[in-house]
PDB file of N, CA and C in Angstrom:
ATOM      1  N   UNK A   1     -17.791  35.750  35.591  1.00  0.00           N
ATOM      2  CA  UNK A   1     -18.167  35.950  34.203  1.00  0.00           C
ATOM      3  C   UNK A   1     -17.504  34.905  33.306  1.00  0.00           C
ATOM      4  N   UNK A   2     -16.196  34.683  33.447  1.00  0.00           N
ATOM      5  CA  UNK A   2     -15.504  33.753  32.569  1.00  0.00           C
ATOM      6  C   UNK A   2     -15.926  32.311  32.843  1.00  0.00           C
ATOM      7  N   UNK A   3     -16.238  31.965  34.086  1.00  0.00           N
ATOM      8  CA  UNK A   3     -16.702  30.617  34.406  1.00  0.00           C
ATOM      9  C   UNK A   3     -18.052  30.384  33.750  1.00  0.00           C
ATOM     10  N   UNK A   4     -18.907  31.383  33.798  1.00  0.00           N
ATOM     11  CA  UNK A   4     -20.231  31.281  33.184  1.00  0.00           C
ATOM     12  C   UNK A   4     -20.108  31.102  31.665  1.00  0.00           C
ATOM     13  N   UNK A   5     -19.176  31.801  31.039  1.00  0.00           N
ATOM     14  CA  UNK A   5     -18.949  31.691  29.599  1.00  0.00           C
ATOM     15  C   UNK A   5     -18.440  30.295  29.235  1.00  0.00           C
ATOM     16  N   UNK A   6     -17.521  29.753  30.012  1.00  0.00           N
ATOM     17  CA  UNK A   6     -16.990  28.417  29.757  1.00  0.00           C
ATOM     18  C   UNK A   6     -18.093  27.376  29.895  1.00  0.00           C
ATOM     19  N   UNK A   7     -18.925  27.491  30.915  1.00  0.00           N
ATOM     20  CA  UNK A   7     -20.024  26.539  31.122  1.00  0.00           C
ATOM     21  C   UNK A   7     -21.016  26.628  29.974  1.00  0.00           C
ATOM     22  N   UNK A   8     -21.343  27.816  29.526  1.00  0.00           N
ATOM     23  CA  UNK A   8     -22.295  27.979  28.419  1.00  0.00           C
ATOM     24  C   UNK A   8     -21.723  27.385  27.128  1.00  0.00           C
ATOM     25  N   UNK A   9     -20.435  27.587  26.871  1.00  0.00           N
ATOM     26  CA  UNK A   9     -19.813  27.013  25.670  1.00  0.00           C
ATOM     27  C   UNK A   9     -19.804  25.494  25.737  1.00  0.00           C
ATOM     28  N   UNK A  10     -19.515  24.938  26.898  1.00  0.00           N
ATOM     29  CA  UNK A  10     -19.511  23.483  27.058  1.00  0.00           C
ATOM     30  C   UNK A  10     -20.907  22.916  26.848  1.00  0.00           C
ATOM     31  N   UNK A  11     -21.924  23.572  27.376  1.00  0.00           N
ATOM     32  CA  UNK A  11     -23.305  23.119  27.182  1.00  0.00           C
ATOM     33  C   UNK A  11     -23.718  23.223  25.717  1.00  0.00           C
ATOM     34  N   UNK A  12     -23.322  24.275  25.046  1.00  0.00           N
ATOM     35  CA  UNK A  12     -23.660  24.426  23.631  1.00  0.00           C
ATOM     36  C   UNK A  12     -22.987  23.341  22.799  1.00  0.00           C
ATOM     37  N   UNK A  13     -21.760  23.027  23.111  1.00  0.00           N
ATOM     38  CA  UNK A  13     -21.044  21.978  22.391  1.00  0.00           C
ATOM     39  C   UNK A  13     -21.686  20.618  22.643  1.00  0.00           C
ATOM     40  N   UNK A  14     -22.059  20.338  23.875  1.00  0.00           N
ATOM     41  CA  UNK A  14     -22.706  19.065  24.198  1.00  0.00           C
ATOM     42  C   UNK A  14     -24.071  18.964  23.528  1.00  0.00           C
ATOM     43  N   UNK A  15     -24.806  20.052  23.487  1.00  0.00           N
ATOM     44  CA  UNK A  15     -26.129  20.036  22.860  1.00  0.00           C
ATOM     45  C   UNK A  15     -26.019  19.829  21.356  1.00  0.00           C
ATOM     46  N   UNK A  16     -25.015  20.401  20.731  1.00  0.00           N
ATOM     47  CA  UNK A  16     -24.874  20.216  19.283  1.00  0.00           C
ATOM     48  C   UNK A  16     -24.533  18.766  18.957  1.00  0.00           C
ATOM     49  N   UNK A  17     -23.776  18.097  19.790  1.00  0.00           N
ATOM     50  CA  UNK A  17     -23.468  16.687  19.582  1.00  0.00           C
ATOM     51  C   UNK A  17     -24.662  15.796  19.855  1.00  0.00           C
ATOM     52  N   UNK A  18     -25.506  16.187  20.787  1.00  0.00           N
ATOM     53  CA  UNK A  18     -26.670  15.372  21.140  1.00  0.00           C
ATOM     54  C   UNK A  18     -27.713  15.373  20.031  1.00  0.00           C
ATOM     55  N   UNK A  19     -27.794  16.432  19.262  1.00  0.00           N
ATOM     56  CA  UNK A  19     -28.814  16.525  18.218  1.00  0.00           C
ATOM     57  C   UNK A  19     -28.321  16.086  16.841  1.00  0.00           C
ATOM     58  N   UNK A  20     -27.072  15.675  16.728  1.00  0.00           N
ATOM     59  CA  UNK A  20     -26.578  15.233  15.423  1.00  0.00           C
ATOM     60  C   UNK A  20     -27.104  13.839  15.111  1.00  0.00           C
ATOM     61  N   UNK A  21     -27.324  13.564  13.837  1.00  0.00           N
ATOM     62  CA  UNK A  21     -27.868  12.282  13.392  1.00  0.00           C
ATOM     63  C   UNK A  21     -26.763  11.457  12.743  1.00  0.00           C
ATOM     64  N   UNK A  22     -26.717  10.141  13.021  1.00  0.00           N
ATOM     65  CA  UNK A  22     -25.727   9.300  12.344  1.00  0.00           C
ATOM     66  C   UNK A  22     -26.105   9.095  10.885  1.00  0.00           C
ATOM     67  N   UNK A  23     -25.116   8.757  10.070  1.00  0.00           N
ATOM     68  CA  UNK A  23     -25.378   8.477   8.661  1.00  0.00           C
ATOM     69  C   UNK A  23     -26.138   7.166   8.518  1.00  0.00           C
ATOM     70  N   UNK A  24     -27.027   7.061   7.531  1.00  0.00           N
ATOM     71  CA  UNK A  24     -27.695   5.785   7.272  1.00  0.00           C
ATOM     72  C   UNK A  24     -26.665   4.714   6.905  1.00  0.00           C
ATOM     73  N   UNK A  25     -26.992   3.414   7.096  1.00  0.00           N
ATOM     74  CA  UNK A  25     -26.015   2.351   6.855  1.00  0.00           C
ATOM     75  C   UNK A  25     -25.404   2.362   5.456  1.00  0.00           C
ATOM     76  N   UNK A  26     -26.146   2.720   4.435  1.00  0.00           N
ATOM     77  CA  UNK A  26     -25.624   2.727   3.069  1.00  0.00           C
ATOM     78  C   UNK A  26     -24.681   3.879   2.791  1.00  0.00           C
ATOM     79  N   UNK A  27     -24.650   4.873   3.654  1.00  0.00           N
ATOM     80  CA  UNK A  27     -23.838   6.064   3.409  1.00  0.00           C
ATOM     81  C   UNK A  27     -22.639   6.168   4.345  1.00  0.00           C
ATOM     82  N   UNK A  28     -22.291   5.091   5.017  1.00  0.00           N
ATOM     83  CA  UNK A  28     -21.132   5.112   5.904  1.00  0.00           C
ATOM     84  C   UNK A  28     -19.868   5.277   5.070  1.00  0.00           C
ATOM     85  N   UNK A  29     -18.964   6.134   5.481  1.00  0.00           N
ATOM     86  CA  UNK A  29     -17.715   6.288   4.723  1.00  0.00           C
ATOM     87  C   UNK A  29     -16.898   5.006   4.810  1.00  0.00           C
ATOM     88  N   UNK A  30     -16.360   4.590   3.678  1.00  0.00           N
ATOM     89  CA  UNK A  30     -15.567   3.364   3.654  1.00  0.00           C
ATOM     90  C   UNK A  30     -14.112   3.683   3.971  1.00  0.00           C
ATOM     91  N   UNK A  31     -13.405   2.681   4.430  1.00  0.00           N
ATOM     92  CA  UNK A  31     -11.986   2.847   4.733  1.00  0.00           C
ATOM     93  C   UNK A  31     -11.218   3.030   3.427  1.00  0.00           C
ATOM     94  N   UNK A  32     -10.242   3.927   3.401  1.00  0.00           N
ATOM     95  CA  UNK A  32      -9.471   4.121   2.166  1.00  0.00           C
ATOM     96  C   UNK A  32      -8.670   2.868   1.826  1.00  0.00           C
ATOM     97  N   UNK A  33      -8.594   2.557   0.549  1.00  0.00           N
ATOM     98  CA  UNK A  33      -7.849   1.400   0.067  1.00  0.00           C
ATOM     99  C   UNK A  33      -6.456   1.846  -0.377  1.00  0.00           C
ATOM    100  N   UNK A  34      -5.494   0.981  -0.170  1.00  0.00           N
ATOM    101  CA  UNK A  34      -4.137   1.269  -0.631  1.00  0.00           C
ATOM    102  C   UNK A  34      -4.134   1.311  -2.155  1.00  0.00           C
ATOM    103  N   UNK A  35      -3.564   2.358  -2.720  1.00  0.00           N
ATOM    104  CA  UNK A  35      -3.622   2.529  -4.169  1.00  0.00           C
ATOM    105  C   UNK A  35      -2.252   2.408  -4.842  1.00  0.00           C
ATOM    106  N   UNK A  36      -1.220   2.208  -4.069  1.00  0.00           N
ATOM    107  CA  UNK A  36       0.116   2.157  -4.654  1.00  0.00           C
ATOM    108  C   UNK A  36       0.576   0.715  -4.826  1.00  0.00           C
ATOM    109  N   UNK A  37       1.039   0.401  -6.005  1.00  0.00           N
ATOM    110  CA  UNK A  37       1.571  -0.935  -6.275  1.00  0.00           C
ATOM    111  C   UNK A  37       3.056  -0.966  -5.932  1.00  0.00           C
ATOM    112  N   UNK A  38       3.565  -2.149  -5.684  1.00  0.00           N
ATOM    113  CA  UNK A  38       4.987  -2.339  -5.428  1.00  0.00           C
ATOM    114  C   UNK A  38       5.734  -2.083  -6.742  1.00  0.00           C
ATOM    115  N   UNK A  39       6.606  -1.074  -6.799  1.00  0.00           N
ATOM    116  CA  UNK A  39       7.271  -0.761  -8.069  1.00  0.00           C
ATOM    117  C   UNK A  39       8.150  -1.893  -8.585  1.00  0.00           C
ATOM    118  N   UNK A  40       8.735  -2.688  -7.688  1.00  0.00           N
ATOM    119  CA  UNK A  40       9.559  -3.815  -8.140  1.00  0.00           C
ATOM    120  C   UNK A  40       8.694  -4.884  -8.798  1.00  0.00           C
ATOM    121  N   UNK A  41       7.489  -5.110  -8.278  1.00  0.00           N
ATOM    122  CA  UNK A  41       6.576  -6.089  -8.879  1.00  0.00           C
ATOM    123  C   UNK A  41       6.064  -5.601 -10.225  1.00  0.00           C
ATOM    124  N   UNK A  42       5.775  -4.312 -10.320  1.00  0.00           N
ATOM    125  CA  UNK A  42       5.316  -3.739 -11.589  1.00  0.00           C
ATOM    126  C   UNK A  42       6.416  -3.866 -12.637  1.00  0.00           C
ATOM    127  N   UNK A  43       7.657  -3.600 -12.255  1.00  0.00           N
ATOM    128  CA  UNK A  43       8.792  -3.729 -13.167  1.00  0.00           C
ATOM    129  C   UNK A  43       8.927  -5.167 -13.652  1.00  0.00           C
ATOM    130  N   UNK A  44       8.743  -6.129 -12.762  1.00  0.00           N
ATOM    131  CA  UNK A  44       8.828  -7.549 -13.119  1.00  0.00           C
ATOM    132  C   UNK A  44       7.812  -7.891 -14.205  1.00  0.00           C
ATOM    133  N   UNK A  45       6.578  -7.463 -14.019  1.00  0.00           N
ATOM    134  CA  UNK A  45       5.520  -7.763 -14.993  1.00  0.00           C
ATOM    135  C   UNK A  45       5.801  -7.063 -16.316  1.00  0.00           C
ATOM    136  N   UNK A  46       6.309  -5.821 -16.268  1.00  0.00           N
ATOM    137  CA  UNK A  46       6.635  -5.094 -17.502  1.00  0.00           C
ATOM    138  C   UNK A  46       7.720  -5.802 -18.302  1.00  0.00           C
ATOM    139  N   UNK A  47       8.615  -6.489 -17.591  1.00  0.00           N
ATOM    140  CA  UNK A  47       9.692  -7.215 -18.261  1.00  0.00           C
ATOM    141  C   UNK A  47       9.249  -8.588 -18.755  1.00  0.00           C
ATOM    142  N   UNK A  48       7.998  -8.944 -18.515  1.00  0.00           N
ATOM    143  CA  UNK A  48       7.481 -10.229 -18.983  1.00  0.00           C
ATOM    144  C   UNK A  48       7.572 -11.341 -17.959  1.00  0.00           C
ATOM    145  N   UNK A  49       7.891 -11.009 -16.729  1.00  0.00           N
ATOM    146  CA  UNK A  49       7.989 -12.009 -15.675  1.00  0.00           C
ATOM    147  C   UNK A  49       6.678 -12.185 -14.932  1.00  0.00           C
ATOM    148  N   UNK A  50       6.711 -13.135 -14.016  1.00  0.00           N
ATOM    149  CA  UNK A  50       5.544 -13.426 -13.175  1.00  0.00           C
ATOM    150  C   UNK A  50       5.971 -13.202 -11.729  1.00  0.00           C
ATOM    151  N   UNK A  51       5.202 -12.412 -11.003  1.00  0.00           N
ATOM    152  CA  UNK A  51       5.492 -12.089  -9.607  1.00  0.00           C
ATOM    153  C   UNK A  51       5.189 -13.298  -8.727  1.00  0.00           C
ATOM    154  N   UNK A  52       6.093 -13.594  -7.782  1.00  0.00           N
ATOM    155  CA  UNK A  52       5.911 -14.717  -6.876  1.00  0.00           C
ATOM    156  C   UNK A  52       6.530 -14.348  -5.528  1.00  0.00           C
ATOM    157  N   UNK A  53       5.902 -14.786  -4.443  1.00  0.00           N
ATOM    158  CA  UNK A  53       6.433 -14.549  -3.103  1.00  0.00           C
ATOM    159  C   UNK A  53       7.063 -15.842  -2.603  1.00  0.00           C
ATOM    160  N   UNK A  54       8.295 -15.754  -2.109  1.00  0.00           N
ATOM    161  CA  UNK A  54       8.966 -16.911  -1.499  1.00  0.00           C
ATOM    162  C   UNK A  54       9.055 -16.674  -0.001  1.00  0.00           C
ATOM    163  N   UNK A  55       8.689 -17.688   0.767  1.00  0.00           N
ATOM    164  CA  UNK A  55       8.816 -17.623   2.223  1.00  0.00           C
ATOM    165  C   UNK A  55      10.164 -18.214   2.622  1.00  0.00           C
ATOM    166  N   UNK A  56      11.026 -17.372   3.143  1.00  0.00           N
ATOM    167  CA  UNK A  56      12.351 -17.784   3.597  1.00  0.00           C
ATOM    168  C   UNK A  56      12.407 -17.673   5.121  1.00  0.00           C
ATOM    169  N   UNK A  57      13.369 -18.313   5.764  1.00  0.00           N
ATOM    170  CA  UNK A  57      13.494 -18.179   7.222  1.00  0.00           C
ATOM    171  C   UNK A  57      13.646 -16.718   7.667  1.00  0.00           C
ATOM    172  N   UNK A  58      14.245 -15.892   6.823  1.00  0.00           N
ATOM    173  CA  UNK A  58      14.437 -14.482   7.167  1.00  0.00           C
ATOM    174  C   UNK A  58      13.218 -13.620   6.857  1.00  0.00           C
ATOM    175  N   UNK A  59      12.214 -14.182   6.186  1.00  0.00           N
ATOM    176  CA  UNK A  59      11.003 -13.438   5.848  1.00  0.00           C
ATOM    177  C   UNK A  59      10.566 -13.713   4.424  1.00  0.00           C
ATOM    178  N   UNK A  60       9.640 -12.909   3.938  1.00  0.00           N
ATOM    179  CA  UNK A  60       9.129 -13.084   2.580  1.00  0.00           C
ATOM    180  C   UNK A  60       9.948 -12.254   1.598  1.00  0.00           C
ATOM    181  N   UNK A  61      10.170 -12.824   0.410  1.00  0.00           N
ATOM    182  CA  UNK A  61      10.946 -12.153  -0.637  1.00  0.00           C
ATOM    183  C   UNK A  61      10.157 -12.211  -1.932  1.00  0.00           C
ATOM    184  N   UNK A  62      10.045 -11.080  -2.616  1.00  0.00           N
ATOM    185  CA  UNK A  62       9.391 -11.036  -3.920  1.00  0.00           C
ATOM    186  C   UNK A  62      10.350 -11.505  -4.997  1.00  0.00           C
ATOM    187  N   UNK A  63       9.914 -12.457  -5.787  1.00  0.00           N
ATOM    188  CA  UNK A  63      10.745 -12.999  -6.859  1.00  0.00           C
ATOM    189  C   UNK A  63      10.044 -12.775  -8.188  1.00  0.00           C
ATOM    190  N   UNK A  64      10.827 -12.670  -9.244  1.00  0.00           N
ATOM    191  CA  UNK A  64      10.318 -12.516 -10.601  1.00  0.00           C
ATOM    192  C   UNK A  64      10.743 -13.759 -11.378  1.00  0.00           C
ATOM    193  N   UNK A  65       9.772 -14.506 -11.881  1.00  0.00           N
ATOM    194  CA  UNK A  65      10.047 -15.750 -12.601  1.00  0.00           C
ATOM    195  C   UNK A  65       9.775 -15.502 -14.080  1.00  0.00           C
ATOM    196  N   UNK A  66      10.799 -15.742 -14.913  1.00  0.00           N
ATOM    197  CA  UNK A  66      10.670 -15.543 -16.351  1.00  0.00           C
ATOM    198  C   UNK A  66      10.416 -16.872 -17.054  1.00  0.00           C
ATOM    199  N   UNK A  67       9.877 -16.791 -18.267  1.00  0.00           N
ATOM    200  CA  UNK A  67       9.546 -17.989 -19.046  1.00  0.00           C
ATOM    201  C   UNK A  67      10.776 -18.821 -19.376  1.00  0.00           C
ATOM    202  N   UNK A  68      11.949 -18.181 -19.474  1.00  0.00           N
ATOM    203  CA  UNK A  68      13.170 -18.925 -19.803  1.00  0.00           C
ATOM    204  C   UNK A  68      13.795 -19.606 -18.582  1.00  0.00           C
ATOM    205  N   UNK A  69      13.133 -19.521 -17.428  1.00  0.00           N
ATOM    206  CA  UNK A  69      13.608 -20.210 -16.235  1.00  0.00           C
ATOM    207  C   UNK A  69      14.381 -19.360 -15.255  1.00  0.00           C
ATOM    208  N   UNK A  70      14.720 -18.129 -15.636  1.00  0.00           N
ATOM    209  CA  UNK A  70      15.441 -17.259 -14.710  1.00  0.00           C
ATOM    210  C   UNK A  70      14.540 -16.876 -13.548  1.00  0.00           C
ATOM    211  N   UNK A  71      15.112 -16.844 -12.356  1.00  0.00           N
ATOM    212  CA  UNK A  71      14.411 -16.397 -11.154  1.00  0.00           C
ATOM    213  C   UNK A  71      15.217 -15.247 -10.575  1.00  0.00           C
ATOM    214  N   UNK A  72      14.584 -14.092 -10.462  1.00  0.00           N
ATOM    215  CA  UNK A  72      15.286 -12.888 -10.020  1.00  0.00           C
ATOM    216  C   UNK A  72      14.638 -12.327  -8.763  1.00  0.00           C
ATOM    217  N   UNK A  73      15.472 -11.815  -7.872  1.00  0.00           N
ATOM    218  CA  UNK A  73      14.956 -11.034  -6.757  1.00  0.00           C
ATOM    219  C   UNK A  73      14.400  -9.741  -7.360  1.00  0.00           C
ATOM    220  N   UNK A  74      13.133  -9.437  -7.072  1.00  0.00           N
ATOM    221  CA  UNK A  74      12.486  -8.276  -7.712  1.00  0.00           C
ATOM    222  C   UNK A  74      13.196  -6.960  -7.418  1.00  0.00           C
ATOM    223  N   UNK A  75      13.607  -6.754  -6.175  1.00  0.00           N
ATOM    224  CA  UNK A  75      14.226  -5.479  -5.834  1.00  0.00           C
ATOM    225  C   UNK A  75      15.629  -5.359  -6.409  1.00  0.00           C
ATOM    226  N   UNK A  76      16.371  -6.454  -6.481  1.00  0.00           N
ATOM    227  CA  UNK A  76      17.694  -6.404  -7.117  1.00  0.00           C
ATOM    228  C   UNK A  76      17.540  -6.088  -8.599  1.00  0.00           C
ATOM    229  N   UNK A  77      16.536  -6.673  -9.219  1.00  0.00           N
ATOM    230  CA  UNK A  77      16.262  -6.413 -10.633  1.00  0.00           C
ATOM    231  C   UNK A  77      15.860  -4.955 -10.845  1.00  0.00           C
ATOM    232  N   UNK A  78      15.036  -4.437  -9.965  1.00  0.00           N
ATOM    233  CA  UNK A  78      14.549  -3.056 -10.092  1.00  0.00           C
ATOM    234  C   UNK A  78      15.659  -2.040  -9.794  1.00  0.00           C
ATOM    235  N   UNK A  79      16.367  -2.245  -8.692  1.00  0.00           N
ATOM    236  CA  UNK A  79      17.391  -1.277  -8.259  1.00  0.00           C
ATOM    237  C   UNK A  79      18.647  -1.324  -9.104  1.00  0.00           C
ATOM    238  N   UNK A  80      19.160  -2.539  -9.306  1.00  0.00           N
ATOM    239  CA  UNK A  80      20.493  -2.691  -9.886  1.00  0.00           C
ATOM    240  C   UNK A  80      20.497  -3.241 -11.302  1.00  0.00           C
ATOM    241  N   UNK A  81      19.329  -3.483 -11.868  1.00  0.00           N
ATOM    242  CA  UNK A  81      19.227  -4.072 -13.212  1.00  0.00           C
ATOM    243  C   UNK A  81      19.988  -5.390 -13.300  1.00  0.00           C
ATOM    244  N   UNK A  82      19.967  -6.161 -12.234  1.00  0.00           N
ATOM    245  CA  UNK A  82      20.638  -7.462 -12.283  1.00  0.00           C
ATOM    246  C   UNK A  82      19.677  -8.540 -11.803  1.00  0.00           C
ATOM    247  N   UNK A  83      19.869  -9.726 -12.345  1.00  0.00           N
ATOM    248  CA  UNK A  83      19.001 -10.851 -12.035  1.00  0.00           C
ATOM    249  C   UNK A  83      19.775 -11.844 -11.180  1.00  0.00           C
ATOM    250  N   UNK A  84      19.223 -12.217 -10.043  1.00  0.00           N
ATOM    251  CA  UNK A  84      19.849 -13.225  -9.190  1.00  0.00           C
ATOM    252  C   UNK A  84      19.863 -14.538  -9.956  1.00  0.00           C
ATOM    253  N   UNK A  85      21.010 -15.171 -10.061  1.00  0.00           N
ATOM    254  CA  UNK A  85      21.120 -16.436 -10.783  1.00  0.00           C
ATOM    255  C   UNK A  85      21.554 -16.252 -12.221  1.00  0.00           C
ATOM    256  N   UNK A  86      22.000 -15.073 -12.578  1.00  0.00           N
ATOM    257  CA  UNK A  86      22.489 -14.834 -13.934  1.00  0.00           C
ATOM    258  C   UNK A  86      21.464 -14.113 -14.780  1.00  0.00           C
ATOM    259  N   UNK A  87      21.774 -14.005 -16.056  1.00  0.00           N
ATOM    260  CA  UNK A  87      20.860 -13.321 -16.975  1.00  0.00           C
ATOM    261  C   UNK A  87      21.127 -11.838 -16.994  1.00  0.00           C
ATOM    262  N   UNK A  88      20.667 -11.215 -18.019  1.00  0.00           N
ATOM    263  CA  UNK A  88      20.911  -9.788 -18.159  1.00  0.00           C
ATOM    264  C   UNK A  88      19.634  -9.019 -18.388  1.00  0.00           C
ATOM    265  N   UNK A  89      18.630  -9.268 -17.584  1.00  0.00           N
ATOM    266  CA  UNK A  89      17.367  -8.552 -17.756  1.00  0.00           C
ATOM    267  C   UNK A  89      17.574  -7.086 -17.418  1.00  0.00           C
ATOM    268  N   UNK A  90      16.956  -6.231 -18.163  1.00  0.00           N
ATOM    269  CA  UNK A  90      17.063  -4.798 -17.936  1.00  0.00           C
ATOM    270  C   UNK A  90      15.716  -4.239 -17.523  1.00  0.00           C
ATOM    271  N   UNK A  91      15.766  -3.183 -16.706  1.00  0.00           N
ATOM    272  CA  UNK A  91      14.552  -2.540 -16.232  1.00  0.00           C
ATOM    273  C   UNK A  91      13.908  -1.757 -17.371  1.00  0.00           C
ATOM    274  N   UNK A  92      12.585  -1.781 -17.390  1.00  0.00           N
ATOM    275  CA  UNK A  92      11.835  -1.017 -18.382  1.00  0.00           C
ATOM    276  C   UNK A  92      11.738   0.416 -17.889  1.00  0.00           C
ATOM    277  N   UNK A  93      12.069   1.375 -18.733  1.00  0.00           N
ATOM    278  CA  UNK A  93      11.945   2.770 -18.328  1.00  0.00           C
ATOM    279  C   UNK A  93      10.493   3.192 -18.470  1.00  0.00           C
ATOM    280  N   UNK A  94      10.070   4.071 -17.567  1.00  0.00           N
ATOM    281  CA  UNK A  94       8.658   4.511 -17.554  1.00  0.00           C
ATOM    282  C   UNK A  94       8.397   5.533 -18.599  1.00  0.00           C
TER     283      UNK A  94
END
């Protein structure tokens, strides 16, 4: 009895998959896009800087370049409110 029930359930499951229709090409679900911005980069722009990526031997580093010539590591500026190379830029509160 239980073997017969398992076989019938497997056949019903296979039949339901065989009769399903694929979505038309225009209705295919798209891959989700990343929606979160880098908070250190957002902070840089809020402070009036320009976001820039530097390629270093150790990897890529986000830098914030200000009009007055200061160049700051974005994460140091965001975390510690300090600018690499001097200056006293402060983080913008949200």
